[in-house]
Amino acid sequence: MKIFAILFFLIGSVSFCDAQSSDVKQVPETNPNAIFSSAEKVPEFTGGVTEFTKFIDKNVKYPEKDKIAKIEGRVIATFVVERDGSLTDIKIIRSPTPEMGKEALRLLKLSPKWQTAMQNGAAVRFQYAVPIYFKLPKP
C-alpha cells in the first residue's frame, strides 16, 4: 500500500511573516527551551523529502476500515523537533478519519531522529508541521 507524504512548511517556512521572524533574532543560550518557528537552518528528515516519503511508504498500515470504505485524504500533524533530533509534542491537527490520524501519529512516533534546526550556530527546538497523504493505489 503506497502512501504519499509531501513535506512543505506550514510552520517554519523560510518566508514567514514579520510577526514571526522576531524569534530568528533570539539567542538560543538565553532560553534553551524556546521553540522556534523559523531559524537559519530548519530541521529536516535525514535524506530529505524523498527519504521521508520512503520511510512513510515502508511503515504505513493503511487503516483497514478506511481502505474498505475507499477513503483517502490528508492528515496534518505538528510536532517539535528537539535539539537531539527526536520528535515530541506530536499532535494531529486535521484528519479525514480518526483511524488515519492514529496511523499518522504512530508513524511520526516511529520516525528516526531528524537533522536539527540551527540558530546562531546552536541546535534549537523547532515547531514543524507536515501533511501526510493517504492515497489508495489505482486498480
N, C-alpha and C. Protein backbone atom coordinates (compact mmCIF):
# COMPACT_ATOMS: atom_id res chain seq x y z
N MET A 1 0.84 -1.16 0.00
CA MET A 1 0.00 0.00 0.00
C MET A 1 0.89 1.23 0.00
N LYS A 2 0.71 2.08 -0.95
CA LYS A 2 1.51 3.30 -1.04
C LYS A 2 0.79 4.45 -0.35
N ILE A 3 1.56 5.25 0.29
CA ILE A 3 1.05 6.49 0.87
C ILE A 3 2.01 7.58 0.43
N PHE A 4 1.48 8.70 0.11
CA PHE A 4 2.32 9.78 -0.35
C PHE A 4 2.47 10.81 0.75
N ALA A 5 3.69 11.15 1.06
CA ALA A 5 3.95 12.19 2.06
C ALA A 5 4.71 13.30 1.36
N ILE A 6 4.12 14.44 1.34
CA ILE A 6 4.77 15.59 0.72
C ILE A 6 4.99 16.61 1.82
N LEU A 7 6.25 16.97 2.00
CA LEU A 7 6.57 17.93 3.05
C LEU A 7 6.60 19.32 2.48
N PHE A 8 5.98 20.19 3.16
CA PHE A 8 6.16 21.60 2.90
C PHE A 8 5.96 22.29 4.22
N PHE A 9 6.48 23.46 4.32
CA PHE A 9 6.47 24.14 5.60
C PHE A 9 5.14 24.83 5.82
N LEU A 10 4.35 24.32 6.74
CA LEU A 10 3.16 25.03 7.20
C LEU A 10 3.56 25.91 8.36
N ILE A 11 4.49 25.40 9.15
CA ILE A 11 5.08 26.15 10.25
C ILE A 11 6.58 26.03 10.04
N GLY A 12 7.29 27.12 10.10
CA GLY A 12 8.72 27.05 9.93
C GLY A 12 9.17 27.35 8.51
N SER A 13 8.37 28.02 7.76
CA SER A 13 8.74 28.35 6.40
C SER A 13 9.84 29.40 6.40
N VAL A 14 10.67 29.33 5.38
CA VAL A 14 11.74 30.31 5.25
C VAL A 14 11.15 31.70 4.99
N SER A 15 10.03 31.77 4.31
CA SER A 15 9.42 33.06 4.01
C SER A 15 8.23 33.29 4.92
N PHE A 16 8.51 33.58 6.18
CA PHE A 16 7.48 33.81 7.17
C PHE A 16 7.16 35.29 7.26
N CYS A 17 6.03 35.60 7.82
CA CYS A 17 5.67 37.00 8.01
C CYS A 17 6.54 37.63 9.10
N ASP A 18 6.59 38.94 9.08
CA ASP A 18 7.44 39.68 10.02
C ASP A 18 7.10 39.40 11.47
N ALA A 19 5.86 39.14 11.78
CA ALA A 19 5.46 38.92 13.17
C ALA A 19 6.15 37.70 13.77
N GLN A 20 6.47 36.73 12.93
CA GLN A 20 7.11 35.52 13.45
C GLN A 20 8.62 35.53 13.24
N SER A 21 9.14 36.46 12.50
CA SER A 21 10.58 36.46 12.24
C SER A 21 11.39 36.94 13.43
N SER A 22 10.74 37.51 14.44
CA SER A 22 11.47 38.02 15.59
C SER A 22 12.20 36.91 16.34
N ASP A 23 11.67 35.67 16.33
CA ASP A 23 12.34 34.61 17.07
C ASP A 23 13.66 34.20 16.41
N VAL A 24 13.88 34.55 15.14
CA VAL A 24 15.14 34.24 14.49
C VAL A 24 16.27 35.00 15.17
N LYS A 25 15.96 36.17 15.69
CA LYS A 25 16.99 37.00 16.32
C LYS A 25 17.29 36.58 17.75
N GLN A 26 16.48 35.68 18.31
CA GLN A 26 16.75 35.21 19.66
C GLN A 26 18.08 34.49 19.72
N VAL A 27 18.73 34.62 20.82
CA VAL A 27 19.97 33.88 21.05
C VAL A 27 19.59 32.63 21.82
N PRO A 28 19.85 31.42 21.26
CA PRO A 28 19.42 30.19 21.91
C PRO A 28 19.90 30.04 23.36
N GLU A 29 21.06 30.62 23.68
CA GLU A 29 21.59 30.47 25.03
C GLU A 29 20.74 31.18 26.08
N THR A 30 20.00 32.22 25.68
CA THR A 30 19.20 32.97 26.66
C THR A 30 17.98 32.18 27.11
N ASN A 31 17.44 31.33 26.27
CA ASN A 31 16.30 30.49 26.63
C ASN A 31 16.43 29.17 25.86
N PRO A 32 17.16 28.21 26.39
CA PRO A 32 17.39 26.95 25.66
C PRO A 32 16.13 26.14 25.41
N ASN A 33 15.03 26.45 26.11
CA ASN A 33 13.79 25.71 25.89
C ASN A 33 12.84 26.41 24.92
N ALA A 34 13.26 27.55 24.36
CA ALA A 34 12.42 28.26 23.40
C ALA A 34 12.16 27.37 22.20
N ILE A 35 10.95 27.46 21.67
CA ILE A 35 10.60 26.71 20.47
C ILE A 35 10.53 27.71 19.32
N PHE A 36 11.35 27.49 18.32
CA PHE A 36 11.43 28.38 17.17
C PHE A 36 10.43 27.96 16.10
N SER A 37 9.95 28.95 15.34
CA SER A 37 9.10 28.67 14.18
C SER A 37 9.80 29.08 12.89
N SER A 38 10.96 29.70 13.03
CA SER A 38 11.83 29.97 11.89
C SER A 38 13.25 29.99 12.44
N ALA A 39 14.19 29.63 11.60
CA ALA A 39 15.58 29.55 12.03
C ALA A 39 16.48 29.66 10.82
N GLU A 40 17.77 29.88 11.07
CA GLU A 40 18.74 29.96 9.98
C GLU A 40 18.77 28.66 9.19
N LYS A 41 18.67 27.53 9.88
CA LYS A 41 18.60 26.22 9.22
C LYS A 41 17.43 25.47 9.85
N VAL A 42 16.44 25.15 9.04
CA VAL A 42 15.28 24.42 9.54
C VAL A 42 15.60 22.93 9.62
N PRO A 43 14.90 22.19 10.48
CA PRO A 43 15.18 20.76 10.59
C PRO A 43 14.69 20.02 9.34
N GLU A 44 15.25 18.84 9.13
CA GLU A 44 14.75 18.01 8.04
C GLU A 44 15.00 16.54 8.36
N PHE A 45 14.15 15.72 7.79
CA PHE A 45 14.32 14.29 7.90
C PHE A 45 15.65 13.94 7.23
N THR A 46 16.43 13.08 7.83
CA THR A 46 17.72 12.71 7.24
C THR A 46 17.49 12.14 5.85
N GLY A 47 18.05 12.77 4.85
CA GLY A 47 17.86 12.35 3.46
C GLY A 47 16.82 13.18 2.75
N GLY A 48 16.13 14.05 3.47
CA GLY A 48 15.17 14.96 2.86
C GLY A 48 13.80 14.35 2.61
N VAL A 49 13.03 15.03 1.78
CA VAL A 49 11.65 14.66 1.49
C VAL A 49 11.57 13.26 0.88
N THR A 50 12.50 12.94 -0.01
CA THR A 50 12.48 11.62 -0.66
C THR A 50 12.60 10.51 0.35
N GLU A 51 13.51 10.64 1.30
CA GLU A 51 13.70 9.60 2.32
C GLU A 51 12.52 9.55 3.29
N PHE A 52 11.94 10.72 3.59
CA PHE A 52 10.76 10.73 4.46
C PHE A 52 9.61 9.98 3.78
N THR A 53 9.43 10.22 2.49
CA THR A 53 8.39 9.53 1.73
C THR A 53 8.63 8.02 1.74
N LYS A 54 9.88 7.61 1.55
CA LYS A 54 10.22 6.18 1.60
C LYS A 54 9.93 5.59 2.98
N PHE A 55 10.27 6.35 4.03
CA PHE A 55 10.01 5.90 5.40
C PHE A 55 8.51 5.69 5.61
N ILE A 56 7.70 6.64 5.16
CA ILE A 56 6.24 6.52 5.30
C ILE A 56 5.73 5.32 4.51
N ASP A 57 6.14 5.21 3.23
CA ASP A 57 5.70 4.10 2.38
C ASP A 57 6.04 2.74 2.98
N LYS A 58 7.21 2.65 3.57
CA LYS A 58 7.68 1.37 4.13
C LYS A 58 6.92 1.00 5.40
N ASN A 59 6.51 1.98 6.18
CA ASN A 59 5.97 1.71 7.51
C ASN A 59 4.46 1.90 7.66
N VAL A 60 3.81 2.47 6.66
CA VAL A 60 2.38 2.77 6.80
C VAL A 60 1.54 1.49 6.82
N LYS A 61 0.52 1.54 7.64
CA LYS A 61 -0.51 0.50 7.67
C LYS A 61 -1.83 1.22 7.42
N TYR A 62 -2.25 1.21 6.16
CA TYR A 62 -3.47 1.93 5.78
C TYR A 62 -4.60 1.38 6.61
N PRO A 63 -5.34 2.22 7.30
CA PRO A 63 -6.43 1.73 8.14
C PRO A 63 -7.42 0.88 7.34
N GLU A 64 -7.65 -0.33 7.79
CA GLU A 64 -8.50 -1.29 7.07
C GLU A 64 -9.90 -0.73 6.84
N LYS A 65 -10.45 -0.11 7.86
CA LYS A 65 -11.80 0.47 7.74
C LYS A 65 -11.85 1.52 6.62
N ASP A 66 -10.81 2.34 6.54
CA ASP A 66 -10.76 3.38 5.50
C ASP A 66 -10.49 2.78 4.12
N LYS A 67 -9.69 1.72 4.10
CA LYS A 67 -9.41 1.05 2.82
C LYS A 67 -10.70 0.46 2.25
N ILE A 68 -11.46 -0.22 3.09
CA ILE A 68 -12.73 -0.83 2.65
C ILE A 68 -13.70 0.24 2.18
N ALA A 69 -13.76 1.35 2.89
CA ALA A 69 -14.66 2.45 2.52
C ALA A 69 -14.09 3.33 1.40
N LYS A 70 -12.86 3.01 0.97
CA LYS A 70 -12.17 3.75 -0.09
C LYS A 70 -12.02 5.24 0.25
N ILE A 71 -11.67 5.49 1.51
CA ILE A 71 -11.47 6.86 1.98
C ILE A 71 -10.00 7.24 1.82
N GLU A 72 -9.77 8.37 1.19
CA GLU A 72 -8.43 8.92 1.05
C GLU A 72 -8.45 10.31 1.69
N GLY A 73 -7.27 10.84 1.93
CA GLY A 73 -7.25 12.19 2.47
C GLY A 73 -5.91 12.59 3.01
N ARG A 74 -5.90 13.77 3.61
CA ARG A 74 -4.67 14.38 4.12
C ARG A 74 -4.78 14.60 5.62
N VAL A 75 -3.77 14.10 6.33
CA VAL A 75 -3.65 14.34 7.76
C VAL A 75 -2.63 15.44 7.96
N ILE A 76 -2.95 16.41 8.80
CA ILE A 76 -1.99 17.46 9.14
C ILE A 76 -1.53 17.20 10.56
N ALA A 77 -0.22 17.09 10.73
CA ALA A 77 0.36 16.84 12.04
C ALA A 77 1.38 17.92 12.36
N THR A 78 1.48 18.27 13.64
CA THR A 78 2.53 19.18 14.10
C THR A 78 3.34 18.47 15.16
N PHE A 79 4.58 18.90 15.31
CA PHE A 79 5.46 18.33 16.32
C PHE A 79 6.63 19.28 16.55
N VAL A 80 7.37 19.00 17.60
CA VAL A 80 8.58 19.76 17.90
C VAL A 80 9.77 18.86 17.59
N VAL A 81 10.69 19.36 16.78
CA VAL A 81 11.96 18.66 16.55
C VAL A 81 12.90 19.17 17.64
N GLU A 82 13.28 18.28 18.54
CA GLU A 82 14.11 18.66 19.68
C GLU A 82 15.56 18.87 19.25
N ARG A 83 16.38 19.41 20.16
CA ARG A 83 17.79 19.67 19.86
C ARG A 83 18.56 18.39 19.55
N ASP A 84 18.07 17.24 20.01
CA ASP A 84 18.74 15.98 19.70
C ASP A 84 18.15 15.31 18.45
N GLY A 85 17.17 15.95 17.80
CA GLY A 85 16.57 15.43 16.58
C GLY A 85 15.33 14.58 16.80
N SER A 86 15.00 14.29 18.05
CA SER A 86 13.80 13.49 18.33
C SER A 86 12.55 14.36 18.15
N LEU A 87 11.41 13.69 17.92
CA LEU A 87 10.14 14.38 17.75
C LEU A 87 9.34 14.27 19.03
N THR A 88 8.83 15.40 19.51
CA THR A 88 7.99 15.42 20.70
C THR A 88 6.75 16.26 20.43
N ASP A 89 5.82 16.23 21.35
CA ASP A 89 4.60 17.03 21.29
C ASP A 89 3.90 16.85 19.94
N ILE A 90 3.79 15.60 19.49
CA ILE A 90 3.15 15.29 18.22
C ILE A 90 1.64 15.44 18.39
N LYS A 91 1.04 16.21 17.50
CA LYS A 91 -0.41 16.43 17.54
C LYS A 91 -0.99 16.30 16.14
N ILE A 92 -2.16 15.72 16.06
CA ILE A 92 -2.89 15.66 14.80
C ILE A 92 -3.84 16.85 14.77
N ILE A 93 -3.65 17.72 13.81
CA ILE A 93 -4.45 18.94 13.70
C ILE A 93 -5.72 18.69 12.90
N ARG A 94 -5.59 17.89 11.84
CA ARG A 94 -6.74 17.61 10.99
C ARG A 94 -6.55 16.21 10.39
N SER A 95 -7.66 15.47 10.30
CA SER A 95 -7.61 14.13 9.73
C SER A 95 -8.97 13.78 9.14
N PRO A 96 -8.99 13.14 7.96
CA PRO A 96 -10.26 12.73 7.36
C PRO A 96 -11.04 11.75 8.24
N THR A 97 -10.30 10.87 8.93
CA THR A 97 -10.92 9.90 9.82
C THR A 97 -10.05 9.76 11.07
N PRO A 98 -10.63 9.34 12.17
CA PRO A 98 -9.82 9.11 13.37
C PRO A 98 -8.72 8.06 13.14
N GLU A 99 -9.02 7.05 12.34
CA GLU A 99 -8.05 5.98 12.07
C GLU A 99 -6.83 6.49 11.33
N MET A 100 -7.03 7.37 10.37
CA MET A 100 -5.89 7.94 9.64
C MET A 100 -5.05 8.80 10.57
N GLY A 101 -5.70 9.55 11.45
CA GLY A 101 -4.98 10.35 12.42
C GLY A 101 -4.13 9.49 13.34
N LYS A 102 -4.70 8.38 13.82
CA LYS A 102 -3.95 7.47 14.69
C LYS A 102 -2.76 6.86 13.96
N GLU A 103 -2.95 6.54 12.68
CA GLU A 103 -1.84 5.96 11.91
C GLU A 103 -0.75 6.99 11.68
N ALA A 104 -1.10 8.22 11.37
CA ALA A 104 -0.09 9.28 11.19
C ALA A 104 0.68 9.49 12.50
N LEU A 105 -0.03 9.48 13.62
CA LEU A 105 0.61 9.62 14.93
C LEU A 105 1.59 8.48 15.18
N ARG A 106 1.17 7.26 14.87
CA ARG A 106 2.05 6.09 15.04
C ARG A 106 3.30 6.22 14.18
N LEU A 107 3.13 6.65 12.93
CA LEU A 107 4.27 6.79 12.02
C LEU A 107 5.27 7.83 12.53
N LEU A 108 4.76 8.96 13.00
CA LEU A 108 5.67 10.01 13.47
C LEU A 108 6.38 9.58 14.75
N LYS A 109 5.71 8.83 15.61
CA LYS A 109 6.38 8.32 16.81
C LYS A 109 7.47 7.32 16.45
N LEU A 110 7.31 6.65 15.33
CA LEU A 110 8.27 5.65 14.85
C LEU A 110 9.46 6.30 14.14
N SER A 111 9.34 7.56 13.78
CA SER A 111 10.35 8.25 12.99
C SER A 111 11.73 8.23 13.65
N PRO A 112 12.78 8.00 12.86
CA PRO A 112 14.13 8.17 13.41
C PRO A 112 14.38 9.66 13.66
N LYS A 113 15.49 9.95 14.30
CA LYS A 113 15.82 11.35 14.60
C LYS A 113 16.04 12.14 13.33
N TRP A 114 15.67 13.40 13.40
CA TRP A 114 15.83 14.33 12.29
C TRP A 114 17.12 15.12 12.46
N GLN A 115 17.54 15.78 11.38
CA GLN A 115 18.63 16.75 11.48
C GLN A 115 18.03 17.99 12.14
N THR A 116 18.70 18.54 13.12
CA THR A 116 18.12 19.60 13.94
C THR A 116 18.14 20.97 13.27
N ALA A 117 17.31 21.83 13.79
CA ALA A 117 17.31 23.25 13.38
C ALA A 117 18.51 23.92 14.03
N MET A 118 19.05 24.92 13.36
CA MET A 118 20.21 25.64 13.89
C MET A 118 19.93 27.14 13.88
N GLN A 119 20.33 27.78 14.97
CA GLN A 119 20.23 29.23 15.07
C GLN A 119 21.48 29.72 15.79
N ASN A 120 22.18 30.65 15.19
CA ASN A 120 23.42 31.21 15.76
C ASN A 120 24.42 30.11 16.12
N GLY A 121 24.49 29.09 15.28
CA GLY A 121 25.44 28.00 15.49
C GLY A 121 25.05 26.98 16.53
N ALA A 122 23.85 27.09 17.08
CA ALA A 122 23.41 26.15 18.11
C ALA A 122 22.14 25.44 17.67
N ALA A 123 22.02 24.17 18.06
CA ALA A 123 20.79 23.41 17.80
C ALA A 123 19.68 24.00 18.64
N VAL A 124 18.49 24.16 18.04
CA VAL A 124 17.33 24.71 18.75
C VAL A 124 16.11 23.83 18.54
N ARG A 125 15.16 23.95 19.45
CA ARG A 125 13.88 23.27 19.32
C ARG A 125 13.08 23.99 18.24
N PHE A 126 12.30 23.22 17.46
CA PHE A 126 11.64 23.82 16.30
C PHE A 126 10.25 23.23 16.11
N GLN A 127 9.26 24.10 15.99
CA GLN A 127 7.88 23.67 15.71
C GLN A 127 7.75 23.41 14.22
N TYR A 128 7.20 22.26 13.87
CA TYR A 128 7.15 21.82 12.48
C TYR A 128 5.79 21.24 12.18
N ALA A 129 5.35 21.31 10.97
CA ALA A 129 4.08 20.70 10.56
C ALA A 129 4.27 20.00 9.23
N VAL A 130 3.61 18.86 9.08
CA VAL A 130 3.65 18.13 7.81
C VAL A 130 2.27 17.62 7.46
N PRO A 131 1.97 17.58 6.17
CA PRO A 131 0.79 16.86 5.72
C PRO A 131 1.21 15.44 5.36
N ILE A 132 0.41 14.49 5.69
CA ILE A 132 0.65 13.10 5.27
C ILE A 132 -0.58 12.67 4.48
N TYR A 133 -0.36 12.34 3.22
CA TYR A 133 -1.45 11.99 2.32
C TYR A 133 -1.68 10.48 2.31
N PHE A 134 -2.91 10.10 2.51
CA PHE A 134 -3.31 8.71 2.39
C PHE A 134 -4.04 8.56 1.06
N LYS A 135 -3.44 7.77 0.18
CA LYS A 135 -4.00 7.60 -1.15
C LYS A 135 -3.94 6.13 -1.53
N LEU A 136 -5.07 5.59 -1.91
CA LEU A 136 -5.14 4.19 -2.32
C LEU A 136 -4.56 4.05 -3.73
N PRO A 137 -3.93 2.90 -4.01
CA PRO A 137 -3.41 2.70 -5.37
C PRO A 137 -4.55 2.56 -6.36
N LYS A 138 -4.30 2.99 -7.57
CA LYS A 138 -5.30 2.85 -8.64
C LYS A 138 -5.43 1.37 -9.01
N PRO A 139 -6.67 0.92 -9.23
CA PRO A 139 -6.86 -0.51 -9.60
C PRO A 139 -6.33 -0.84 -10.96
